[in-house]
Amino acid sequence: MQINEITLEDMLPRVFINEKIPVSEVWNTRLSFRKGNRYRVEAASGGGKSSLCSYIFGTRTDYNGTLYFNNTDIKSLSIPLWQDIRRKNIAYLPQELSLFPELTAWENIQLKNSLTGYADNAKIGQWLDRIGISARKDYPVGKMSIGQQQRVAIIRSICQPFDFILLDEPVSHLDAENNRIATEIIEEEASKNGAGIISTSVGNPLQLSDPVILSL
């Protein structure tokens, strides 16, 4: 299966149903994310950025409306197909990072890469060096700063093929230079895969080239 388009039709998190929400370019409308394009979804805290990513990744279904991959309602997808999609079609970096604190940076990355076989050790080492944490690769993640943890999670997220990558506030604790480097690495892998990028931001956005900017 290849995912060329992700479409939201009249979607709204159920928690917002009885609330008055600001005018949105995402909720209660029809919106398509297309493979190969870059998107930045902006909203204040609590606007539903993490919910949107979770809906697309299929880990939450507490919404009204319909979400399609190509022309298929994702609620009709089987568990085995979801497992395949998460290995081959949709990469995801959640805001909470979901790293194992007792494992090293290298071990956290290899947990995923061992499942996908996507990148060799030399390539992972190059990414870690570029993003400035190669000297920390053998440190337990729980002893790293949140900015270092974000960089580990970014490298882990791209250790797979993907049609789209979801990045929920991926650089919120990075300075401008590390943001630039992280963006370069992500965009390089997206271009290699011909993939789309969907990144959320509450104020310190990933520095994507020519993104479509959407207000949530």
N, C-alpha and C. Protein backbone atom coordinates (compact mmCIF):
# COMPACT_ATOMS: atom_id res chain seq x y z
N MET A 1 0.85 -1.21 0.00
CA MET A 1 0.00 0.00 0.00
C MET A 1 0.88 1.24 0.00
N GLN A 2 0.55 2.19 -0.86
CA GLN A 2 1.21 3.49 -0.86
C GLN A 2 0.17 4.54 -0.54
N ILE A 3 0.52 5.45 0.36
CA ILE A 3 -0.43 6.51 0.74
C ILE A 3 -0.01 7.79 0.03
N ASN A 4 -0.83 8.23 -0.91
CA ASN A 4 -0.55 9.43 -1.68
C ASN A 4 -1.28 10.66 -1.14
N GLU A 5 -2.33 10.42 -0.38
CA GLU A 5 -3.14 11.54 0.11
C GLU A 5 -3.82 11.15 1.42
N ILE A 6 -3.80 12.06 2.36
CA ILE A 6 -4.52 11.91 3.62
C ILE A 6 -5.57 13.00 3.65
N THR A 7 -6.84 12.60 3.76
CA THR A 7 -7.94 13.57 3.68
C THR A 7 -8.78 13.55 4.95
N LEU A 8 -9.02 14.74 5.48
CA LEU A 8 -9.91 14.92 6.63
C LEU A 8 -11.20 15.52 6.13
N GLU A 9 -12.32 14.92 6.50
CA GLU A 9 -13.62 15.42 6.06
C GLU A 9 -14.52 15.65 7.28
N ASP A 10 -14.80 16.92 7.54
CA ASP A 10 -15.68 17.31 8.65
C ASP A 10 -15.23 16.70 9.98
N MET A 11 -13.93 16.68 10.20
CA MET A 11 -13.41 16.09 11.44
C MET A 11 -13.38 17.10 12.58
N LEU A 12 -13.65 16.59 13.77
CA LEU A 12 -13.56 17.40 14.98
C LEU A 12 -13.37 16.47 16.16
N PRO A 13 -12.38 16.74 17.01
CA PRO A 13 -12.25 15.94 18.24
C PRO A 13 -13.53 16.01 19.05
N ARG A 14 -13.96 14.90 19.57
CA ARG A 14 -15.23 14.87 20.29
C ARG A 14 -15.21 15.77 21.53
N VAL A 15 -14.03 15.99 22.09
CA VAL A 15 -13.94 16.84 23.27
C VAL A 15 -14.34 18.28 22.95
N PHE A 16 -14.28 18.66 21.65
CA PHE A 16 -14.62 20.03 21.25
C PHE A 16 -16.07 20.19 20.82
N ILE A 17 -16.84 19.13 20.78
CA ILE A 17 -18.16 19.17 20.15
C ILE A 17 -19.07 20.21 20.80
N ASN A 18 -19.04 20.33 22.11
CA ASN A 18 -19.92 21.27 22.80
C ASN A 18 -19.21 22.59 23.14
N GLU A 19 -18.06 22.82 22.52
CA GLU A 19 -17.30 24.04 22.77
C GLU A 19 -17.30 24.92 21.53
N LYS A 20 -17.16 26.20 21.74
CA LYS A 20 -16.99 27.13 20.64
C LYS A 20 -15.51 27.22 20.32
N ILE A 21 -15.13 26.76 19.14
CA ILE A 21 -13.71 26.78 18.77
C ILE A 21 -13.47 27.86 17.73
N PRO A 22 -12.25 28.39 17.66
CA PRO A 22 -11.94 29.41 16.65
C PRO A 22 -12.06 28.83 15.24
N VAL A 23 -12.18 29.72 14.26
CA VAL A 23 -12.20 29.28 12.87
C VAL A 23 -10.92 28.51 12.59
N SER A 24 -11.07 27.33 11.99
CA SER A 24 -9.94 26.43 11.77
C SER A 24 -9.84 26.08 10.30
N GLU A 25 -8.61 25.93 9.83
CA GLU A 25 -8.37 25.44 8.47
C GLU A 25 -8.25 23.92 8.43
N VAL A 26 -8.45 23.29 9.59
CA VAL A 26 -8.32 21.83 9.69
C VAL A 26 -9.62 21.19 10.15
N TRP A 27 -10.16 21.65 11.28
CA TRP A 27 -11.37 21.05 11.83
C TRP A 27 -12.61 21.53 11.09
N ASN A 28 -13.60 20.65 11.02
CA ASN A 28 -14.91 20.96 10.42
C ASN A 28 -14.80 21.50 8.99
N THR A 29 -13.87 20.91 8.23
CA THR A 29 -13.72 21.30 6.83
C THR A 29 -13.24 20.08 6.06
N ARG A 30 -12.93 20.25 4.80
CA ARG A 30 -12.31 19.18 4.01
C ARG A 30 -10.89 19.62 3.68
N LEU A 31 -9.94 18.80 4.06
CA LEU A 31 -8.54 19.13 3.89
C LEU A 31 -7.78 17.89 3.45
N SER A 32 -6.91 18.06 2.45
CA SER A 32 -6.08 16.94 1.99
C SER A 32 -4.60 17.28 2.14
N PHE A 33 -3.87 16.37 2.76
CA PHE A 33 -2.41 16.43 2.80
C PHE A 33 -1.90 15.54 1.66
N ARG A 34 -1.05 16.08 0.81
CA ARG A 34 -0.59 15.32 -0.36
C ARG A 34 0.88 14.94 -0.23
N LYS A 35 1.17 13.74 -0.66
CA LYS A 35 2.53 13.22 -0.60
C LYS A 35 3.47 14.15 -1.37
N GLY A 36 4.63 14.41 -0.77
CA GLY A 36 5.62 15.27 -1.40
C GLY A 36 5.58 16.71 -0.94
N ASN A 37 4.49 17.12 -0.29
CA ASN A 37 4.36 18.50 0.18
C ASN A 37 4.76 18.62 1.65
N ARG A 38 5.02 19.86 2.07
CA ARG A 38 5.36 20.16 3.46
C ARG A 38 4.24 20.97 4.08
N TYR A 39 3.88 20.61 5.31
CA TYR A 39 2.79 21.29 6.00
C TYR A 39 3.22 21.63 7.43
N ARG A 40 2.85 22.84 7.85
CA ARG A 40 3.05 23.24 9.24
C ARG A 40 1.69 23.59 9.83
N VAL A 41 1.30 22.86 10.87
CA VAL A 41 0.01 23.08 11.52
C VAL A 41 0.27 23.86 12.81
N GLU A 42 -0.28 25.05 12.88
CA GLU A 42 -0.03 25.93 14.02
C GLU A 42 -1.29 26.06 14.87
N ALA A 43 -1.09 26.09 16.18
CA ALA A 43 -2.21 26.27 17.10
C ALA A 43 -1.67 26.58 18.48
N ALA A 44 -2.51 27.20 19.29
CA ALA A 44 -2.16 27.39 20.69
C ALA A 44 -2.22 26.04 21.39
N SER A 45 -1.61 25.99 22.57
CA SER A 45 -1.66 24.77 23.36
C SER A 45 -3.11 24.38 23.63
N GLY A 46 -3.43 23.10 23.43
CA GLY A 46 -4.79 22.63 23.64
C GLY A 46 -5.67 22.71 22.41
N GLY A 47 -5.09 23.11 21.27
CA GLY A 47 -5.87 23.26 20.05
C GLY A 47 -6.11 21.97 19.30
N GLY A 48 -5.45 20.90 19.70
CA GLY A 48 -5.69 19.62 19.06
C GLY A 48 -4.57 19.13 18.15
N LYS A 49 -3.37 19.70 18.27
CA LYS A 49 -2.25 19.29 17.40
C LYS A 49 -1.89 17.82 17.62
N SER A 50 -1.72 17.45 18.88
CA SER A 50 -1.35 16.06 19.18
C SER A 50 -2.49 15.12 18.83
N SER A 51 -3.72 15.56 19.02
CA SER A 51 -4.87 14.74 18.65
C SER A 51 -4.86 14.46 17.15
N LEU A 52 -4.59 15.49 16.35
CA LEU A 52 -4.55 15.32 14.90
C LEU A 52 -3.53 14.25 14.51
N CYS A 53 -2.34 14.33 15.08
CA CYS A 53 -1.30 13.35 14.75
C CYS A 53 -1.72 11.94 15.18
N SER A 54 -2.32 11.83 16.36
CA SER A 54 -2.76 10.52 16.85
C SER A 54 -3.87 9.94 15.97
N TYR A 55 -4.75 10.80 15.47
CA TYR A 55 -5.82 10.32 14.59
C TYR A 55 -5.23 9.77 13.29
N ILE A 56 -4.29 10.51 12.71
CA ILE A 56 -3.68 10.07 11.46
C ILE A 56 -2.89 8.77 11.67
N PHE A 57 -2.24 8.64 12.81
CA PHE A 57 -1.44 7.45 13.09
C PHE A 57 -2.31 6.27 13.54
N GLY A 58 -3.58 6.54 13.79
CA GLY A 58 -4.51 5.47 14.12
C GLY A 58 -4.50 5.01 15.56
N THR A 59 -3.88 5.78 16.44
CA THR A 59 -3.83 5.38 17.85
C THR A 59 -4.98 5.95 18.66
N ARG A 60 -5.74 6.88 18.06
CA ARG A 60 -6.95 7.40 18.69
C ARG A 60 -8.05 7.52 17.65
N THR A 61 -9.29 7.31 18.09
CA THR A 61 -10.43 7.39 17.17
C THR A 61 -11.56 8.23 17.75
N ASP A 62 -11.25 9.06 18.75
CA ASP A 62 -12.29 9.84 19.42
C ASP A 62 -12.58 11.14 18.66
N TYR A 63 -13.03 10.99 17.42
CA TYR A 63 -13.36 12.15 16.60
C TYR A 63 -14.64 11.89 15.83
N ASN A 64 -15.30 12.98 15.46
CA ASN A 64 -16.41 12.91 14.51
C ASN A 64 -15.86 13.24 13.12
N GLY A 65 -16.55 12.75 12.09
CA GLY A 65 -16.08 12.96 10.74
C GLY A 65 -15.34 11.74 10.23
N THR A 66 -14.62 11.92 9.12
CA THR A 66 -13.97 10.79 8.45
C THR A 66 -12.55 11.16 8.05
N LEU A 67 -11.65 10.21 8.21
CA LEU A 67 -10.25 10.38 7.81
C LEU A 67 -9.93 9.28 6.80
N TYR A 68 -9.41 9.70 5.64
CA TYR A 68 -9.14 8.76 4.56
C TYR A 68 -7.64 8.67 4.25
N PHE A 69 -7.16 7.48 3.96
CA PHE A 69 -5.89 7.28 3.28
C PHE A 69 -6.24 6.96 1.83
N ASN A 70 -5.83 7.82 0.90
CA ASN A 70 -6.31 7.75 -0.47
C ASN A 70 -7.84 7.84 -0.41
N ASN A 71 -8.57 6.80 -0.79
CA ASN A 71 -10.03 6.87 -0.70
C ASN A 71 -10.61 5.89 0.32
N THR A 72 -9.77 5.43 1.23
CA THR A 72 -10.18 4.42 2.21
C THR A 72 -10.34 5.03 3.60
N ASP A 73 -11.51 4.85 4.19
CA ASP A 73 -11.75 5.28 5.56
C ASP A 73 -10.82 4.48 6.48
N ILE A 74 -10.00 5.16 7.26
CA ILE A 74 -9.00 4.44 8.04
C ILE A 74 -9.62 3.56 9.13
N LYS A 75 -10.87 3.83 9.50
CA LYS A 75 -11.50 2.99 10.51
C LYS A 75 -11.82 1.59 9.97
N SER A 76 -11.70 1.41 8.65
CA SER A 76 -11.95 0.09 8.06
C SER A 76 -10.68 -0.75 7.96
N LEU A 77 -9.54 -0.18 8.32
CA LEU A 77 -8.27 -0.89 8.17
C LEU A 77 -8.10 -1.95 9.26
N SER A 78 -7.55 -3.09 8.88
CA SER A 78 -7.31 -4.18 9.83
C SER A 78 -6.07 -3.89 10.66
N ILE A 79 -5.94 -4.58 11.78
CA ILE A 79 -4.75 -4.42 12.63
C ILE A 79 -3.47 -4.79 11.88
N PRO A 80 -3.42 -5.93 11.16
CA PRO A 80 -2.19 -6.24 10.40
C PRO A 80 -1.84 -5.16 9.38
N LEU A 81 -2.84 -4.56 8.74
CA LEU A 81 -2.55 -3.50 7.77
C LEU A 81 -2.03 -2.27 8.48
N TRP A 82 -2.58 -1.93 9.64
CA TRP A 82 -2.06 -0.81 10.42
C TRP A 82 -0.60 -1.05 10.80
N GLN A 83 -0.27 -2.26 11.20
CA GLN A 83 1.11 -2.57 11.56
C GLN A 83 2.04 -2.35 10.38
N ASP A 84 1.58 -2.74 9.20
CA ASP A 84 2.38 -2.57 7.99
C ASP A 84 2.52 -1.09 7.64
N ILE A 85 1.44 -0.33 7.79
CA ILE A 85 1.47 1.10 7.50
C ILE A 85 2.47 1.82 8.42
N ARG A 86 2.49 1.43 9.68
CA ARG A 86 3.38 2.11 10.64
C ARG A 86 4.84 1.73 10.43
N ARG A 87 5.10 0.64 9.74
CA ARG A 87 6.48 0.27 9.41
C ARG A 87 6.95 0.87 8.10
N LYS A 88 6.01 1.08 7.16
CA LYS A 88 6.42 1.41 5.80
C LYS A 88 5.88 2.72 5.24
N ASN A 89 4.81 3.24 5.82
CA ASN A 89 4.13 4.37 5.18
C ASN A 89 4.06 5.64 6.00
N ILE A 90 3.89 5.50 7.32
CA ILE A 90 3.76 6.70 8.16
C ILE A 90 4.74 6.62 9.33
N ALA A 91 5.67 7.55 9.35
CA ALA A 91 6.59 7.70 10.48
C ALA A 91 6.00 8.73 11.43
N TYR A 92 6.34 8.62 12.71
CA TYR A 92 5.68 9.48 13.71
C TYR A 92 6.64 9.80 14.84
N LEU A 93 6.75 11.07 15.14
CA LEU A 93 7.47 11.54 16.31
C LEU A 93 6.47 12.23 17.23
N PRO A 94 6.01 11.55 18.30
CA PRO A 94 5.03 12.18 19.20
C PRO A 94 5.68 13.24 20.08
N GLN A 95 4.88 14.16 20.55
CA GLN A 95 5.39 15.25 21.40
C GLN A 95 6.06 14.71 22.66
N GLU A 96 5.52 13.62 23.22
CA GLU A 96 6.09 13.06 24.45
C GLU A 96 7.31 12.18 24.19
N LEU A 97 7.69 12.01 22.93
CA LEU A 97 8.90 11.34 22.46
C LEU A 97 8.85 9.81 22.58
N SER A 98 8.30 9.28 23.67
CA SER A 98 8.16 7.82 23.86
C SER A 98 9.50 7.09 23.77
N LEU A 99 10.52 7.68 24.35
CA LEU A 99 11.82 7.01 24.45
C LEU A 99 11.87 6.17 25.73
N PHE A 100 12.77 5.18 25.74
CA PHE A 100 12.97 4.36 26.94
C PHE A 100 14.13 4.97 27.73
N PRO A 101 13.86 5.58 28.91
CA PRO A 101 14.89 6.34 29.61
C PRO A 101 16.08 5.52 30.07
N GLU A 102 15.87 4.22 30.34
CA GLU A 102 16.98 3.40 30.83
C GLU A 102 17.90 2.92 29.72
N LEU A 103 17.45 3.06 28.46
CA LEU A 103 18.27 2.65 27.31
C LEU A 103 19.08 3.83 26.79
N THR A 104 20.18 3.53 26.14
CA THR A 104 21.00 4.59 25.56
C THR A 104 20.34 5.16 24.31
N ALA A 105 20.89 6.28 23.84
CA ALA A 105 20.40 6.87 22.60
C ALA A 105 20.50 5.86 21.46
N TRP A 106 21.63 5.19 21.37
CA TRP A 106 21.85 4.21 20.30
C TRP A 106 20.86 3.06 20.40
N GLU A 107 20.63 2.59 21.60
CA GLU A 107 19.70 1.46 21.80
C GLU A 107 18.27 1.86 21.45
N ASN A 108 17.87 3.08 21.82
CA ASN A 108 16.52 3.54 21.47
C ASN A 108 16.34 3.59 19.95
N ILE A 109 17.33 4.08 19.25
CA ILE A 109 17.24 4.17 17.79
C ILE A 109 17.22 2.78 17.17
N GLN A 110 18.07 1.88 17.68
CA GLN A 110 18.17 0.55 17.10
C GLN A 110 16.93 -0.31 17.38
N LEU A 111 16.20 0.00 18.44
CA LEU A 111 14.95 -0.72 18.67
C LEU A 111 14.03 -0.62 17.46
N LYS A 112 13.97 0.58 16.89
CA LYS A 112 13.14 0.76 15.70
C LYS A 112 13.84 0.26 14.45
N ASN A 113 15.10 0.63 14.29
CA ASN A 113 15.80 0.28 13.07
C ASN A 113 15.93 -1.23 12.88
N SER A 114 15.98 -1.97 14.00
CA SER A 114 16.06 -3.42 13.90
C SER A 114 14.78 -4.03 13.32
N LEU A 115 13.67 -3.30 13.48
CA LEU A 115 12.40 -3.77 12.92
C LEU A 115 12.27 -3.43 11.44
N THR A 116 12.86 -2.33 11.03
CA THR A 116 12.69 -1.87 9.65
C THR A 116 13.89 -2.19 8.76
N GLY A 117 15.08 -2.32 9.36
CA GLY A 117 16.29 -2.53 8.58
C GLY A 117 16.56 -1.41 7.60
N TYR A 118 16.16 -0.20 7.97
CA TYR A 118 16.19 0.92 7.03
C TYR A 118 17.58 1.53 6.84
N ALA A 119 18.28 1.76 7.93
CA ALA A 119 19.56 2.48 7.86
C ALA A 119 20.69 1.62 8.43
N ASP A 120 21.85 1.69 7.81
CA ASP A 120 22.99 0.95 8.38
C ASP A 120 23.61 1.78 9.50
N ASN A 121 24.48 1.14 10.27
CA ASN A 121 25.05 1.80 11.44
C ASN A 121 25.84 3.05 11.07
N ALA A 122 26.52 3.00 9.93
CA ALA A 122 27.31 4.15 9.50
C ALA A 122 26.42 5.36 9.25
N LYS A 123 25.26 5.13 8.62
CA LYS A 123 24.35 6.24 8.34
C LYS A 123 23.78 6.81 9.63
N ILE A 124 23.40 5.96 10.55
CA ILE A 124 22.88 6.45 11.84
C ILE A 124 23.97 7.25 12.55
N GLY A 125 25.20 6.76 12.52
CA GLY A 125 26.31 7.49 13.13
C GLY A 125 26.50 8.86 12.51
N GLN A 126 26.34 8.96 11.19
CA GLN A 126 26.46 10.25 10.51
C GLN A 126 25.37 11.21 10.96
N TRP A 127 24.16 10.70 11.07
CA TRP A 127 23.05 11.56 11.53
C TRP A 127 23.32 12.08 12.94
N LEU A 128 23.76 11.19 13.83
CA LEU A 128 24.03 11.59 15.22
C LEU A 128 25.15 12.63 15.28
N ASP A 129 26.14 12.46 14.43
CA ASP A 129 27.24 13.41 14.39
C ASP A 129 26.77 14.78 13.90
N ARG A 130 25.99 14.77 12.83
CA ARG A 130 25.48 16.03 12.27
C ARG A 130 24.63 16.79 13.27
N ILE A 131 23.83 16.05 14.04
CA ILE A 131 22.89 16.71 14.95
C ILE A 131 23.50 16.95 16.33
N GLY A 132 24.79 16.61 16.48
CA GLY A 132 25.55 17.02 17.65
C GLY A 132 25.41 16.17 18.89
N ILE A 133 25.04 14.89 18.74
CA ILE A 133 24.91 14.04 19.93
C ILE A 133 25.66 12.72 19.79
N SER A 134 26.61 12.64 18.87
CA SER A 134 27.36 11.39 18.70
C SER A 134 28.15 11.04 19.97
N ALA A 135 28.63 12.06 20.68
CA ALA A 135 29.38 11.80 21.91
C ALA A 135 28.49 11.27 23.03
N ARG A 136 27.19 11.41 22.87
CA ARG A 136 26.24 10.97 23.88
C ARG A 136 25.49 9.70 23.49
N LYS A 137 25.86 9.07 22.43
CA LYS A 137 25.07 7.95 21.92
C LYS A 137 25.01 6.78 22.88
N ASP A 138 25.99 6.66 23.77
CA ASP A 138 26.01 5.55 24.73
C ASP A 138 25.53 5.96 26.12
N TYR A 139 24.93 7.17 26.23
CA TYR A 139 24.36 7.64 27.50
C TYR A 139 22.91 7.18 27.60
N PRO A 140 22.46 6.83 28.80
CA PRO A 140 21.02 6.57 28.97
C PRO A 140 20.23 7.82 28.63
N VAL A 141 19.17 7.68 27.88
CA VAL A 141 18.36 8.82 27.46
C VAL A 141 17.80 9.58 28.64
N GLY A 142 17.49 8.87 29.74
CA GLY A 142 16.94 9.52 30.92
C GLY A 142 17.88 10.52 31.57
N LYS A 143 19.17 10.45 31.23
CA LYS A 143 20.16 11.39 31.79
C LYS A 143 20.47 12.53 30.82
N MET A 144 19.76 12.56 29.71
CA MET A 144 19.98 13.62 28.72
C MET A 144 19.02 14.78 28.94
N SER A 145 19.36 15.94 28.41
CA SER A 145 18.45 17.08 28.43
C SER A 145 17.30 16.80 27.48
N ILE A 146 16.21 17.56 27.60
CA ILE A 146 15.06 17.36 26.73
C ILE A 146 15.42 17.67 25.28
N GLY A 147 16.30 18.66 25.08
CA GLY A 147 16.73 18.97 23.71
C GLY A 147 17.52 17.83 23.10
N GLN A 148 18.38 17.19 23.88
CA GLN A 148 19.12 16.03 23.38
C GLN A 148 18.17 14.87 23.10
N GLN A 149 17.19 14.69 23.98
CA GLN A 149 16.21 13.62 23.77
C GLN A 149 15.42 13.86 22.49
N GLN A 150 15.08 15.11 22.21
CA GLN A 150 14.36 15.40 20.96
C GLN A 150 15.20 15.01 19.75
N ARG A 151 16.50 15.26 19.82
CA ARG A 151 17.36 14.92 18.69
C ARG A 151 17.46 13.41 18.50
N VAL A 152 17.51 12.67 19.61
CA VAL A 152 17.49 11.20 19.51
C VAL A 152 16.19 10.74 18.85
N ALA A 153 15.09 11.31 19.29
CA ALA A 153 13.78 10.91 18.77
C ALA A 153 13.62 11.25 17.29
N ILE A 154 14.20 12.37 16.88
CA ILE A 154 14.16 12.74 15.46
C ILE A 154 14.87 11.69 14.61
N ILE A 155 16.07 11.28 15.04
CA ILE A 155 16.81 10.26 14.29
C ILE A 155 16.04 8.94 14.29
N ARG A 156 15.49 8.57 15.43
CA ARG A 156 14.71 7.33 15.48
C ARG A 156 13.53 7.40 14.51
N SER A 157 12.88 8.54 14.42
CA SER A 157 11.66 8.64 13.60
C SER A 157 11.92 8.40 12.12
N ILE A 158 13.11 8.71 11.64
CA ILE A 158 13.39 8.57 10.20
C ILE A 158 14.02 7.23 9.85
N CYS A 159 14.12 6.33 10.82
CA CYS A 159 14.69 5.01 10.56
C CYS A 159 13.64 4.06 9.99
N GLN A 160 12.99 4.49 8.92
CA GLN A 160 12.00 3.66 8.24
C GLN A 160 11.64 4.33 6.92
N PRO A 161 11.12 3.56 5.96
CA PRO A 161 10.54 4.20 4.77
C PRO A 161 9.23 4.87 5.16
N PHE A 162 8.83 5.92 4.45
CA PHE A 162 7.56 6.57 4.77
C PHE A 162 7.04 7.38 3.59
N ASP A 163 5.71 7.42 3.48
CA ASP A 163 5.03 8.31 2.54
C ASP A 163 4.75 9.65 3.19
N PHE A 164 4.51 9.62 4.51
CA PHE A 164 4.32 10.83 5.31
C PHE A 164 5.06 10.66 6.63
N ILE A 165 5.57 11.77 7.15
CA ILE A 165 6.12 11.77 8.49
C ILE A 165 5.37 12.81 9.32
N LEU A 166 4.90 12.40 10.49
CA LEU A 166 4.18 13.26 11.42
C LEU A 166 5.15 13.67 12.52
N LEU A 167 5.27 14.97 12.76
CA LEU A 167 6.22 15.48 13.74
C LEU A 167 5.49 16.46 14.65
N ASP A 168 5.25 16.05 15.90
CA ASP A 168 4.46 16.86 16.82
C ASP A 168 5.38 17.70 17.70
N GLU A 169 5.49 18.98 17.37
CA GLU A 169 6.39 19.91 18.07
C GLU A 169 7.79 19.31 18.23
N PRO A 170 8.42 18.94 17.13
CA PRO A 170 9.67 18.16 17.20
C PRO A 170 10.90 18.94 17.65
N VAL A 171 10.88 20.27 17.53
CA VAL A 171 12.07 21.06 17.86
C VAL A 171 11.78 22.11 18.92
N SER A 172 10.79 21.88 19.75
CA SER A 172 10.37 22.89 20.73
C SER A 172 11.46 23.28 21.71
N HIS A 173 12.45 22.38 21.93
CA HIS A 173 13.53 22.67 22.87
C HIS A 173 14.89 22.78 22.18
N LEU A 174 14.89 23.01 20.87
CA LEU A 174 16.15 23.15 20.14
C LEU A 174 16.42 24.61 19.80
N ASP A 175 17.72 24.97 19.80
CA ASP A 175 18.09 26.31 19.38
C ASP A 175 18.04 26.39 17.85
N ALA A 176 18.27 27.59 17.31
CA ALA A 176 18.10 27.82 15.88
C ALA A 176 19.01 26.93 15.04
N GLU A 177 20.24 26.74 15.46
CA GLU A 177 21.19 25.94 14.67
C GLU A 177 20.80 24.47 14.66
N ASN A 178 20.45 23.93 15.80
CA ASN A 178 20.05 22.52 15.83
C ASN A 178 18.71 22.32 15.13
N ASN A 179 17.84 23.32 15.18
CA ASN A 179 16.59 23.28 14.42
C ASN A 179 16.91 23.18 12.93
N ARG A 180 17.84 24.00 12.47
CA ARG A 180 18.22 23.99 11.05
C ARG A 180 18.76 22.63 10.63
N ILE A 181 19.63 22.06 11.45
CA ILE A 181 20.23 20.77 11.11
C ILE A 181 19.16 19.67 11.12
N ALA A 182 18.31 19.67 12.14
CA ALA A 182 17.24 18.66 12.21
C ALA A 182 16.34 18.76 10.98
N THR A 183 15.99 19.99 10.60
CA THR A 183 15.14 20.18 9.42
C THR A 183 15.81 19.64 8.17
N GLU A 184 17.10 19.91 8.01
CA GLU A 184 17.83 19.41 6.84
C GLU A 184 17.76 17.89 6.75
N ILE A 185 18.01 17.23 7.88
CA ILE A 185 18.03 15.76 7.89
C ILE A 185 16.64 15.21 7.55
N ILE A 186 15.62 15.78 8.16
CA ILE A 186 14.24 15.32 7.91
C ILE A 186 13.86 15.55 6.45
N GLU A 187 14.17 16.74 5.92
CA GLU A 187 13.80 17.03 4.54
C GLU A 187 14.57 16.17 3.55
N GLU A 188 15.81 15.85 3.86
CA GLU A 188 16.58 14.96 2.99
C GLU A 188 15.93 13.59 2.89
N GLU A 189 15.52 13.04 4.03
CA GLU A 189 14.89 11.72 4.02
C GLU A 189 13.51 11.77 3.38
N ALA A 190 12.78 12.86 3.60
CA ALA A 190 11.48 13.01 2.95
C ALA A 190 11.64 13.07 1.43
N SER A 191 12.62 13.82 0.97
CA SER A 191 12.85 13.91 -0.47
C SER A 191 13.27 12.57 -1.05
N LYS A 192 14.09 11.84 -0.32
CA LYS A 192 14.51 10.50 -0.76
C LYS A 192 13.31 9.58 -0.94
N ASN A 193 12.31 9.72 -0.07
CA ASN A 193 11.11 8.88 -0.12
C ASN A 193 9.98 9.51 -0.94
N GLY A 194 10.19 10.74 -1.43
CA GLY A 194 9.11 11.46 -2.10
C GLY A 194 7.94 11.71 -1.17
N ALA A 195 8.26 11.92 0.11
CA ALA A 195 7.24 11.91 1.16
C ALA A 195 6.74 13.29 1.53
N GLY A 196 5.60 13.31 2.19
CA GLY A 196 5.05 14.52 2.76
C GLY A 196 5.47 14.68 4.21
N ILE A 197 5.57 15.92 4.66
CA ILE A 197 5.91 16.23 6.04
C ILE A 197 4.75 17.00 6.66
N ILE A 198 4.27 16.53 7.80
CA ILE A 198 3.24 17.24 8.56
C ILE A 198 3.82 17.51 9.94
N SER A 199 4.12 18.78 10.22
CA SER A 199 4.76 19.15 11.48
C SER A 199 3.88 20.15 12.21
N THR A 200 3.74 19.97 13.52
CA THR A 200 2.96 20.91 14.31
C THR A 200 3.87 21.85 15.08
N SER A 201 3.31 22.99 15.47
CA SER A 201 4.11 23.96 16.21
C SER A 201 3.23 24.81 17.10
N VAL A 202 3.77 25.14 18.27
CA VAL A 202 3.10 26.07 19.17
C VAL A 202 3.91 27.36 19.31
N GLY A 203 5.01 27.46 18.50
CA GLY A 203 5.80 28.68 18.58
C GLY A 203 7.22 28.57 18.08
N ASN A 204 7.83 27.38 18.12
CA ASN A 204 9.19 27.19 17.61
C ASN A 204 9.11 26.13 16.52
N PRO A 205 8.79 26.53 15.28
CA PRO A 205 8.50 25.54 14.25
C PRO A 205 9.74 24.94 13.61
N LEU A 206 9.60 23.74 13.09
CA LEU A 206 10.58 23.15 12.21
C LEU A 206 10.71 24.07 11.00
N GLN A 207 11.96 24.35 10.59
CA GLN A 207 12.20 25.34 9.54
C GLN A 207 12.07 24.73 8.14
N LEU A 208 10.87 24.27 7.82
CA LEU A 208 10.61 23.62 6.55
C LEU A 208 10.71 24.62 5.39
N SER A 209 11.12 24.12 4.23
CA SER A 209 11.19 24.96 3.04
C SER A 209 9.81 25.05 2.39
N ASP A 210 9.31 26.27 2.25
CA ASP A 210 8.03 26.55 1.58
C ASP A 210 6.88 25.69 2.08
N PRO A 211 6.62 25.68 3.39
CA PRO A 211 5.51 24.86 3.88
C PRO A 211 4.15 25.51 3.62
N VAL A 212 3.14 24.67 3.51
CA VAL A 212 1.76 25.14 3.58
C VAL A 212 1.46 25.32 5.06
N ILE A 213 1.07 26.52 5.46
CA ILE A 213 0.83 26.81 6.87
C ILE A 213 -0.67 26.77 7.14
N LEU A 214 -1.07 25.96 8.11
CA LEU A 214 -2.48 25.79 8.43
C LEU A 214 -2.72 26.17 9.89
N SER A 215 -3.80 26.87 10.13
CA SER A 215 -4.20 27.24 11.48
C SER A 215 -5.21 26.24 11.99
N LEU A 216 -4.92 25.67 13.16
CA LEU A 216 -5.80 24.64 13.71
C LEU A 216 -6.91 25.26 14.55
